[in-house]
Amino acid sequence: MVDDNESKTLNTTAMSIEILELLEEIDGGRVTEIAELMEAPKSTIHGHLATLKSTEFVIKRGDIYYLGPELLRLGNEVRTRKKAFVLAREFTEKMFEQVGFRSNFSVEMGGKAVFIHSASGNKMGWAHERMGNRLYLHSTAVGKSILSKLPRRRVEQILDRWGLPAETNQTITNRADLFAELEEIRDRGYAVNHEENIEDLHAVGVAATEQSGDVIGGFSITGPKHSFAGSERERQLAEVLTELVSEYELELSLV
């Protein structure tokens, strides 16, 4: 049972997290602006910001608060805590060099796909592929590739938590349809995304697993619809991606 003091502490933590997420969304803000957006007293927001600033989770420039360097340190800890994640960075960059399309490595955390590494050369990055961004698994190529390797019970748990929200008119919103597609993905070895989370965006995804069969994460390449035009072109890209993931899995097993 949660007592009143513990509940208050939990609420305080939740508000601090909400402030951090809001600062990320609006790219910095003043106390008044944050208080208005969160519909909270300025004094309360100021207290949270002062605490976050003391631990460098936020920094202050003039009267504007921004996300701080401590978050970067923690984020880098996530990206480097496993040798599999470190090696994935090398292969993400290798994929971009080979195919010329934006390449990503993502992992499943809390039932969503979280971007860990991305490579796009001197191309401008896309907002949804920023490090740490979380996307639904059912509407992305990398997410579906990961789901195809997970036990059905785990997939059901993820769907119970997040559902199957429609992000475009191409998104799968029916469980039976999703499980049918996951079976197809297992048969052919890769997943595709045809404008299912963003219009005009296509992608191919392949999951990477350990020798035990446990899922590490997934690699994907993304690009405009016209760049992936034709099933043959898509198969060619999938073949390159599949070979690279196999090489990644082999090298990881030897580390």
C-alpha atoms as a PDB file:
ATOM      1  CA  MET A   1       0.000   0.000   0.000  1.00  0.00           C
ATOM      2  CA  VAL A   2       1.324   3.467  -0.903  1.00  0.00           C
ATOM      3  CA  ASP A   3       1.092   5.943   1.986  1.00  0.00           C
ATOM      4  CA  ASP A   4       0.471   9.676   1.519  1.00  0.00           C
ATOM      5  CA  ASN A   5       4.138  10.636   1.813  1.00  0.00           C
ATOM      6  CA  GLU A   6       5.224   8.037  -0.747  1.00  0.00           C
ATOM      7  CA  SER A   7       2.416   9.096  -3.084  1.00  0.00           C
ATOM      8  CA  LYS A   8       3.567  12.707  -2.795  1.00  0.00           C
ATOM      9  CA  THR A   9       7.131  11.666  -3.630  1.00  0.00           C
ATOM     10  CA  LEU A  10       5.957   9.688  -6.650  1.00  0.00           C
ATOM     11  CA  ASN A  11       3.935  12.649  -7.881  1.00  0.00           C
ATOM     12  CA  THR A  12       6.941  14.937  -7.450  1.00  0.00           C
ATOM     13  CA  THR A  13       9.128  12.590  -9.485  1.00  0.00           C
ATOM     14  CA  ALA A  14       6.467  12.310 -12.179  1.00  0.00           C
ATOM     15  CA  MET A  15       6.241  16.098 -12.487  1.00  0.00           C
ATOM     16  CA  SER A  16      10.024  16.444 -12.825  1.00  0.00           C
ATOM     17  CA  ILE A  17      10.000  13.866 -15.608  1.00  0.00           C
ATOM     18  CA  GLU A  18       7.118  15.685 -17.291  1.00  0.00           C
ATOM     19  CA  ILE A  19       9.082  18.953 -17.156  1.00  0.00           C
ATOM     20  CA  LEU A  20      12.095  17.292 -18.800  1.00  0.00           C
ATOM     21  CA  GLU A  21       9.909  15.862 -21.561  1.00  0.00           C
ATOM     22  CA  LEU A  22       8.293  19.258 -22.113  1.00  0.00           C
ATOM     23  CA  LEU A  23      11.669  21.015 -22.346  1.00  0.00           C
ATOM     24  CA  GLU A  24      12.702  18.492 -24.984  1.00  0.00           C
ATOM     25  CA  GLU A  25       9.494  19.116 -26.918  1.00  0.00           C
ATOM     26  CA  ILE A  26       9.660  22.933 -26.878  1.00  0.00           C
ATOM     27  CA  ASP A  27      13.480  23.165 -26.983  1.00  0.00           C
ATOM     28  CA  GLY A  28      13.786  25.190 -23.807  1.00  0.00           C
ATOM     29  CA  GLY A  29      11.393  27.448 -21.983  1.00  0.00           C
ATOM     30  CA  ARG A  30      10.843  30.054 -19.271  1.00  0.00           C
ATOM     31  CA  VAL A  31       9.246  29.277 -15.928  1.00  0.00           C
ATOM     32  CA  THR A  32       6.053  31.120 -16.899  1.00  0.00           C
ATOM     33  CA  GLU A  33       5.761  29.276 -20.204  1.00  0.00           C
ATOM     34  CA  ILE A  34       6.332  25.880 -18.612  1.00  0.00           C
ATOM     35  CA  ALA A  35       3.835  26.626 -15.825  1.00  0.00           C
ATOM     36  CA  GLU A  36       1.180  27.650 -18.340  1.00  0.00           C
ATOM     37  CA  LEU A  37       1.691  24.570 -20.502  1.00  0.00           C
ATOM     38  CA  MET A  38       1.571  22.267 -17.491  1.00  0.00           C
ATOM     39  CA  GLU A  39      -1.207  24.226 -15.786  1.00  0.00           C
ATOM     40  CA  ALA A  40       0.803  24.336 -12.565  1.00  0.00           C
ATOM     41  CA  PRO A  41       1.823  27.166 -10.162  1.00  0.00           C
ATOM     42  CA  LYS A  42       4.993  29.029 -11.148  1.00  0.00           C
ATOM     43  CA  SER A  43       6.424  28.448  -7.684  1.00  0.00           C
ATOM     44  CA  THR A  44       6.035  24.690  -8.070  1.00  0.00           C
ATOM     45  CA  ILE A  45       7.688  24.666 -11.486  1.00  0.00           C
ATOM     46  CA  HIS A  46      10.496  26.899 -10.256  1.00  0.00           C
ATOM     47  CA  GLY A  47      11.179  24.485  -7.374  1.00  0.00           C
ATOM     48  CA  HIS A  48      11.431  21.529  -9.729  1.00  0.00           C
ATOM     49  CA  LEU A  49      13.689  23.427 -12.129  1.00  0.00           C
ATOM     50  CA  ALA A  50      15.965  24.534  -9.310  1.00  0.00           C
ATOM     51  CA  THR A  51      16.389  20.925  -8.199  1.00  0.00           C
ATOM     52  CA  LEU A  52      16.980  19.694 -11.739  1.00  0.00           C
ATOM     53  CA  LYS A  53      19.476  22.504 -12.320  1.00  0.00           C
ATOM     54  CA  SER A  54      21.449  21.587  -9.179  1.00  0.00           C
ATOM     55  CA  THR A  55      22.037  18.121 -10.624  1.00  0.00           C
ATOM     56  CA  GLU A  56      22.634  19.402 -14.193  1.00  0.00           C
ATOM     57  CA  PHE A  57      19.569  17.667 -15.595  1.00  0.00           C
ATOM     58  CA  VAL A  58      18.712  21.159 -16.841  1.00  0.00           C
ATOM     59  CA  ILE A  59      20.791  24.265 -17.445  1.00  0.00           C
ATOM     60  CA  LYS A  60      19.748  27.909 -17.444  1.00  0.00           C
ATOM     61  CA  ARG A  61      20.734  30.481 -20.057  1.00  0.00           C
ATOM     62  CA  GLY A  62      19.378  33.887 -19.149  1.00  0.00           C
ATOM     63  CA  ASP A  63      15.844  33.108 -18.031  1.00  0.00           C
ATOM     64  CA  ILE A  64      15.413  30.079 -20.302  1.00  0.00           C
ATOM     65  CA  TYR A  65      15.859  26.507 -19.112  1.00  0.00           C
ATOM     66  CA  TYR A  66      17.228  23.771 -21.402  1.00  0.00           C
ATOM     67  CA  LEU A  67      17.975  20.073 -21.010  1.00  0.00           C
ATOM     68  CA  GLY A  68      21.328  19.607 -19.309  1.00  0.00           C
ATOM     69  CA  PRO A  69      24.504  17.546 -19.833  1.00  0.00           C
ATOM     70  CA  GLU A  70      23.682  14.949 -17.189  1.00  0.00           C
ATOM     71  CA  LEU A  71      20.992  13.576 -19.486  1.00  0.00           C
ATOM     72  CA  LEU A  72      23.582  13.225 -22.232  1.00  0.00           C
ATOM     73  CA  ARG A  73      25.842  11.255 -19.903  1.00  0.00           C
ATOM     74  CA  LEU A  74      23.030   8.932 -18.908  1.00  0.00           C
ATOM     75  CA  GLY A  75      21.958   8.513 -22.523  1.00  0.00           C
ATOM     76  CA  ASN A  76      25.482   7.594 -23.528  1.00  0.00           C
ATOM     77  CA  GLU A  77      25.549   5.077 -20.691  1.00  0.00           C
ATOM     78  CA  VAL A  78      22.531   3.356 -22.248  1.00  0.00           C
ATOM     79  CA  ARG A  79      24.191   3.319 -25.680  1.00  0.00           C
ATOM     80  CA  THR A  80      27.436   1.819 -24.353  1.00  0.00           C
ATOM     81  CA  ARG A  81      26.359  -0.401 -21.464  1.00  0.00           C
ATOM     82  CA  LYS A  82      26.306  -3.505 -23.680  1.00  0.00           C
ATOM     83  CA  LYS A  83      28.982  -4.628 -26.113  1.00  0.00           C
ATOM     84  CA  ALA A  84      26.134  -5.389 -28.522  1.00  0.00           C
ATOM     85  CA  PHE A  85      25.120  -1.718 -28.535  1.00  0.00           C
ATOM     86  CA  VAL A  86      28.698  -0.539 -29.055  1.00  0.00           C
ATOM     87  CA  LEU A  87      29.215  -2.872 -31.998  1.00  0.00           C
ATOM     88  CA  ALA A  88      25.825  -1.852 -33.413  1.00  0.00           C
ATOM     89  CA  ARG A  89      27.099   1.684 -33.924  1.00  0.00           C
ATOM     90  CA  GLU A  90      29.840   0.422 -36.255  1.00  0.00           C
ATOM     91  CA  PHE A  91      27.356  -1.600 -38.273  1.00  0.00           C
ATOM     92  CA  THR A  92      24.829   1.228 -38.428  1.00  0.00           C
ATOM     93  CA  GLU A  93      27.467   3.405 -40.058  1.00  0.00           C
ATOM     94  CA  LYS A  94      28.545   0.543 -42.328  1.00  0.00           C
ATOM     95  CA  MET A  95      24.945   0.156 -43.522  1.00  0.00           C
ATOM     96  CA  PHE A  96      24.704   3.803 -44.474  1.00  0.00           C
ATOM     97  CA  GLU A  97      27.997   3.573 -46.377  1.00  0.00           C
ATOM     98  CA  GLN A  98      26.720   0.585 -48.357  1.00  0.00           C
ATOM     99  CA  VAL A  99      23.166   1.639 -49.205  1.00  0.00           C
ATOM    100  CA  GLY A 100      23.224   5.435 -48.895  1.00  0.00           C
ATOM    101  CA  PHE A 101      19.934   5.505 -46.956  1.00  0.00           C
ATOM    102  CA  ARG A 102      19.437   6.600 -43.377  1.00  0.00           C
ATOM    103  CA  SER A 103      20.376   3.680 -41.166  1.00  0.00           C
ATOM    104  CA  ASN A 104      19.279   3.064 -37.601  1.00  0.00           C
ATOM    105  CA  PHE A 105      19.692   0.668 -34.727  1.00  0.00           C
ATOM    106  CA  SER A 106      16.839   0.483 -32.238  1.00  0.00           C
ATOM    107  CA  VAL A 107      15.982  -1.629 -29.220  1.00  0.00           C
ATOM    108  CA  GLU A 108      12.730  -2.528 -27.516  1.00  0.00           C
ATOM    109  CA  MET A 109      12.278  -0.763 -24.197  1.00  0.00           C
ATOM    110  CA  GLY A 110       8.972  -0.625 -22.395  1.00  0.00           C
ATOM    111  CA  GLY A 111       7.172  -1.961 -25.438  1.00  0.00           C
ATOM    112  CA  LYS A 112       8.389   0.701 -27.861  1.00  0.00           C
ATOM    113  CA  ALA A 113      11.280   1.042 -30.310  1.00  0.00           C
ATOM    114  CA  VAL A 114      13.979   3.328 -28.912  1.00  0.00           C
ATOM    115  CA  PHE A 115      16.583   4.789 -31.285  1.00  0.00           C
ATOM    116  CA  ILE A 116      20.126   4.073 -30.060  1.00  0.00           C
ATOM    117  CA  HIS A 117      22.265   4.771 -33.156  1.00  0.00           C
ATOM    118  CA  SER A 118      21.628   6.561 -36.429  1.00  0.00           C
ATOM    119  CA  ALA A 119      23.780   7.275 -39.477  1.00  0.00           C
ATOM    120  CA  SER A 120      22.884   9.633 -42.324  1.00  0.00           C
ATOM    121  CA  GLY A 121      26.187  11.214 -43.355  1.00  0.00           C
ATOM    122  CA  ASN A 122      25.761  14.911 -44.079  1.00  0.00           C
ATOM    123  CA  LYS A 123      22.024  14.537 -44.666  1.00  0.00           C
ATOM    124  CA  MET A 124      19.794  16.467 -42.326  1.00  0.00           C
ATOM    125  CA  GLY A 125      18.444  14.205 -39.608  1.00  0.00           C
ATOM    126  CA  TRP A 126      14.743  13.485 -39.269  1.00  0.00           C
ATOM    127  CA  ALA A 127      13.073  14.478 -36.008  1.00  0.00           C
ATOM    128  CA  HIS A 128      11.505  11.067 -35.373  1.00  0.00           C
ATOM    129  CA  GLU A 129      14.920   9.359 -35.624  1.00  0.00           C
ATOM    130  CA  ARG A 130      16.657  11.369 -32.917  1.00  0.00           C
ATOM    131  CA  MET A 131      18.507   9.342 -30.327  1.00  0.00           C
ATOM    132  CA  GLY A 132      16.227   8.239 -27.531  1.00  0.00           C
ATOM    133  CA  ASN A 133      13.009   8.796 -29.478  1.00  0.00           C
ATOM    134  CA  ARG A 134      10.379   6.130 -28.892  1.00  0.00           C
ATOM    135  CA  LEU A 135       8.104   4.832 -31.627  1.00  0.00           C
ATOM    136  CA  TYR A 136       5.352   2.232 -31.696  1.00  0.00           C
ATOM    137  CA  LEU A 137       6.572  -1.193 -32.711  1.00  0.00           C
ATOM    138  CA  HIS A 138       3.566  -2.161 -34.833  1.00  0.00           C
ATOM    139  CA  SER A 139       3.926   0.739 -37.292  1.00  0.00           C
ATOM    140  CA  THR A 140       7.667   0.643 -38.008  1.00  0.00           C
ATOM    141  CA  ALA A 141       9.811  -1.811 -39.949  1.00  0.00           C
ATOM    142  CA  VAL A 142      12.350  -2.169 -37.170  1.00  0.00           C
ATOM    143  CA  GLY A 143       9.566  -2.553 -34.618  1.00  0.00           C
ATOM    144  CA  LYS A 144       7.781  -5.276 -36.538  1.00  0.00           C
ATOM    145  CA  SER A 145      11.055  -7.111 -37.107  1.00  0.00           C
ATOM    146  CA  ILE A 146      11.611  -7.118 -33.333  1.00  0.00           C
ATOM    147  CA  LEU A 147       8.033  -8.219 -32.622  1.00  0.00           C
ATOM    148  CA  SER A 148       8.477 -11.139 -35.018  1.00  0.00           C
ATOM    149  CA  LYS A 149      11.277 -12.497 -32.812  1.00  0.00           C
ATOM    150  CA  LEU A 150       9.530 -12.039 -29.464  1.00  0.00           C
ATOM    151  CA  PRO A 151       7.417 -14.732 -27.765  1.00  0.00           C
ATOM    152  CA  ARG A 152       3.709 -14.272 -28.501  1.00  0.00           C
ATOM    153  CA  ARG A 153       2.996 -13.663 -24.821  1.00  0.00           C
ATOM    154  CA  ARG A 154       5.382 -10.700 -24.798  1.00  0.00           C
ATOM    155  CA  VAL A 155       3.821  -9.322 -27.981  1.00  0.00           C
ATOM    156  CA  GLU A 156       0.372  -9.596 -26.391  1.00  0.00           C
ATOM    157  CA  GLN A 157       1.628  -7.708 -23.321  1.00  0.00           C
ATOM    158  CA  ILE A 158       2.957  -4.907 -25.536  1.00  0.00           C
ATOM    159  CA  LEU A 159      -0.318  -4.674 -27.439  1.00  0.00           C
ATOM    160  CA  ASP A 160      -2.299  -4.660 -24.189  1.00  0.00           C
ATOM    161  CA  ARG A 161      -0.248  -1.701 -22.990  1.00  0.00           C
ATOM    162  CA  TRP A 162      -0.037   0.423 -26.140  1.00  0.00           C
ATOM    163  CA  GLY A 163      -2.763  -0.882 -28.414  1.00  0.00           C
ATOM    164  CA  LEU A 164      -2.547  -0.440 -32.178  1.00  0.00           C
ATOM    165  CA  PRO A 165      -3.040   3.287 -32.754  1.00  0.00           C
ATOM    166  CA  ALA A 166      -3.376   4.400 -36.378  1.00  0.00           C
ATOM    167  CA  GLU A 167      -0.633   6.858 -37.305  1.00  0.00           C
ATOM    168  CA  THR A 168      -1.525   6.898 -41.005  1.00  0.00           C
ATOM    169  CA  ASN A 169      -4.215   5.189 -43.073  1.00  0.00           C
ATOM    170  CA  GLN A 170      -1.675   2.424 -43.784  1.00  0.00           C
ATOM    171  CA  THR A 171      -1.091   1.473 -40.140  1.00  0.00           C
ATOM    172  CA  ILE A 172      -2.104  -2.012 -39.030  1.00  0.00           C
ATOM    173  CA  THR A 173      -4.829  -1.614 -36.394  1.00  0.00           C
ATOM    174  CA  ASN A 174      -6.095  -5.195 -36.108  1.00  0.00           C
ATOM    175  CA  ARG A 175      -4.335  -7.844 -34.007  1.00  0.00           C
ATOM    176  CA  ALA A 176      -5.108 -10.695 -36.370  1.00  0.00           C
ATOM    177  CA  ASP A 177      -3.640  -8.713 -39.276  1.00  0.00           C
ATOM    178  CA  LEU A 178      -0.533  -7.894 -37.255  1.00  0.00           C
ATOM    179  CA  PHE A 179       0.089 -11.505 -36.229  1.00  0.00           C
ATOM    180  CA  ALA A 180      -0.391 -12.589 -39.842  1.00  0.00           C
ATOM    181  CA  GLU A 181       2.236 -10.076 -40.957  1.00  0.00           C
ATOM    182  CA  LEU A 182       4.629 -11.140 -38.194  1.00  0.00           C
ATOM    183  CA  GLU A 183       4.396 -14.680 -39.563  1.00  0.00           C
ATOM    184  CA  GLU A 184       5.266 -13.383 -43.043  1.00  0.00           C
ATOM    185  CA  ILE A 185       8.232 -11.488 -41.594  1.00  0.00           C
ATOM    186  CA  ARG A 186       9.543 -14.670 -39.973  1.00  0.00           C
ATOM    187  CA  ASP A 187       9.239 -16.491 -43.294  1.00  0.00           C
ATOM    188  CA  ARG A 188      11.046 -13.909 -45.455  1.00  0.00           C
ATOM    189  CA  GLY A 189      13.474 -12.630 -42.797  1.00  0.00           C
ATOM    190  CA  TYR A 190      12.729  -8.911 -42.886  1.00  0.00           C
ATOM    191  CA  ALA A 191       9.959  -6.394 -42.214  1.00  0.00           C
ATOM    192  CA  VAL A 192       8.768  -3.482 -44.314  1.00  0.00           C
ATOM    193  CA  ASN A 193       7.055  -0.205 -43.540  1.00  0.00           C
ATOM    194  CA  HIS A 194       5.031   1.314 -46.349  1.00  0.00           C
ATOM    195  CA  GLU A 195       3.979   4.729 -45.012  1.00  0.00           C
ATOM    196  CA  GLU A 196       2.682   3.144 -41.812  1.00  0.00           C
ATOM    197  CA  ASN A 197       4.020   5.715 -39.353  1.00  0.00           C
ATOM    198  CA  ILE A 198       4.860   8.650 -41.636  1.00  0.00           C
ATOM    199  CA  GLU A 199       3.402   9.385 -45.052  1.00  0.00           C
ATOM    200  CA  ASP A 200       5.795   8.943 -47.999  1.00  0.00           C
ATOM    201  CA  LEU A 201       8.321   7.102 -45.831  1.00  0.00           C
ATOM    202  CA  HIS A 202       9.329   3.511 -46.585  1.00  0.00           C
ATOM    203  CA  ALA A 203      11.665   1.330 -44.561  1.00  0.00           C
ATOM    204  CA  VAL A 204      13.111  -2.152 -44.261  1.00  0.00           C
ATOM    205  CA  GLY A 205      13.975  -3.686 -40.896  1.00  0.00           C
ATOM    206  CA  VAL A 206      15.792  -6.800 -39.685  1.00  0.00           C
ATOM    207  CA  ALA A 207      16.034  -7.953 -36.085  1.00  0.00           C
ATOM    208  CA  ALA A 208      19.333  -9.045 -34.548  1.00  0.00           C
ATOM    209  CA  THR A 209      19.462 -11.860 -32.010  1.00  0.00           C
ATOM    210  CA  GLU A 210      21.985 -13.435 -29.696  1.00  0.00           C
ATOM    211  CA  GLN A 211      23.017 -17.084 -30.073  1.00  0.00           C
ATOM    212  CA  SER A 212      20.461 -17.891 -27.373  1.00  0.00           C
ATOM    213  CA  GLY A 213      17.726 -16.486 -29.595  1.00  0.00           C
ATOM    214  CA  ASP A 214      17.101 -13.449 -27.377  1.00  0.00           C
ATOM    215  CA  VAL A 215      16.436 -10.264 -29.312  1.00  0.00           C
ATOM    216  CA  ILE A 216      19.170  -7.617 -29.135  1.00  0.00           C
ATOM    217  CA  GLY A 217      17.420  -4.995 -31.243  1.00  0.00           C
ATOM    218  CA  GLY A 218      16.823  -4.221 -34.869  1.00  0.00           C
ATOM    219  CA  PHE A 219      18.522  -2.467 -37.780  1.00  0.00           C
ATOM    220  CA  SER A 220      16.606  -0.514 -40.387  1.00  0.00           C
ATOM    221  CA  ILE A 221      17.086   1.661 -43.440  1.00  0.00           C
ATOM    222  CA  THR A 222      14.595   4.366 -44.308  1.00  0.00           C
ATOM    223  CA  GLY A 223      13.958   6.673 -47.228  1.00  0.00           C
ATOM    224  CA  PRO A 224      11.315   8.412 -49.344  1.00  0.00           C
ATOM    225  CA  LYS A 225       8.727   6.201 -51.021  1.00  0.00           C
ATOM    226  CA  HIS A 226      10.117   6.862 -54.509  1.00  0.00           C
ATOM    227  CA  SER A 227      13.582   5.640 -53.468  1.00  0.00           C
ATOM    228  CA  PHE A 228      12.158   2.244 -52.507  1.00  0.00           C
ATOM    229  CA  ALA A 229       9.905   1.994 -55.561  1.00  0.00           C
ATOM    230  CA  GLY A 230       9.325  -1.540 -56.813  1.00  0.00           C
ATOM    231  CA  SER A 231       9.371  -4.836 -54.968  1.00  0.00           C
ATOM    232  CA  GLU A 232      12.673  -5.843 -56.585  1.00  0.00           C
ATOM    233  CA  ARG A 233      14.439  -2.737 -55.285  1.00  0.00           C
ATOM    234  CA  GLU A 234      13.060  -3.391 -51.828  1.00  0.00           C
ATOM    235  CA  ARG A 235      14.249  -7.012 -51.927  1.00  0.00           C
ATOM    236  CA  GLN A 236      17.728  -5.874 -52.948  1.00  0.00           C
ATOM    237  CA  LEU A 237      17.929  -3.487 -49.997  1.00  0.00           C
ATOM    238  CA  ALA A 238      16.566  -6.163 -47.672  1.00  0.00           C
ATOM    239  CA  GLU A 239      19.205  -8.605 -48.869  1.00  0.00           C
ATOM    240  CA  VAL A 240      22.023  -6.161 -48.119  1.00  0.00           C
ATOM    241  CA  LEU A 241      20.560  -5.392 -44.709  1.00  0.00           C
ATOM    242  CA  THR A 242      20.056  -9.066 -43.871  1.00  0.00           C
ATOM    243  CA  GLU A 243      23.655  -9.893 -44.763  1.00  0.00           C
ATOM    244  CA  LEU A 244      24.967  -7.063 -42.607  1.00  0.00           C
ATOM    245  CA  VAL A 245      22.862  -8.153 -39.651  1.00  0.00           C
ATOM    246  CA  SER A 246      24.137 -11.723 -40.039  1.00  0.00           C
ATOM    247  CA  GLU A 247      27.698 -10.369 -40.058  1.00  0.00           C
ATOM    248  CA  TYR A 248      26.910  -8.311 -36.956  1.00  0.00           C
ATOM    249  CA  GLU A 249      25.535 -11.339 -35.114  1.00  0.00           C
ATOM    250  CA  LEU A 250      28.577 -13.426 -36.061  1.00  0.00           C
ATOM    251  CA  GLU A 251      31.063 -10.780 -34.983  1.00  0.00           C
ATOM    252  CA  LEU A 252      29.199 -10.252 -31.724  1.00  0.00           C
ATOM    253  CA  SER A 253      29.382 -13.964 -30.957  1.00  0.00           C
ATOM    254  CA  LEU A 254      33.179 -13.795 -31.312  1.00  0.00           C
ATOM    255  CA  VAL A 255      33.718 -10.752 -29.105  1.00  0.00           C
END
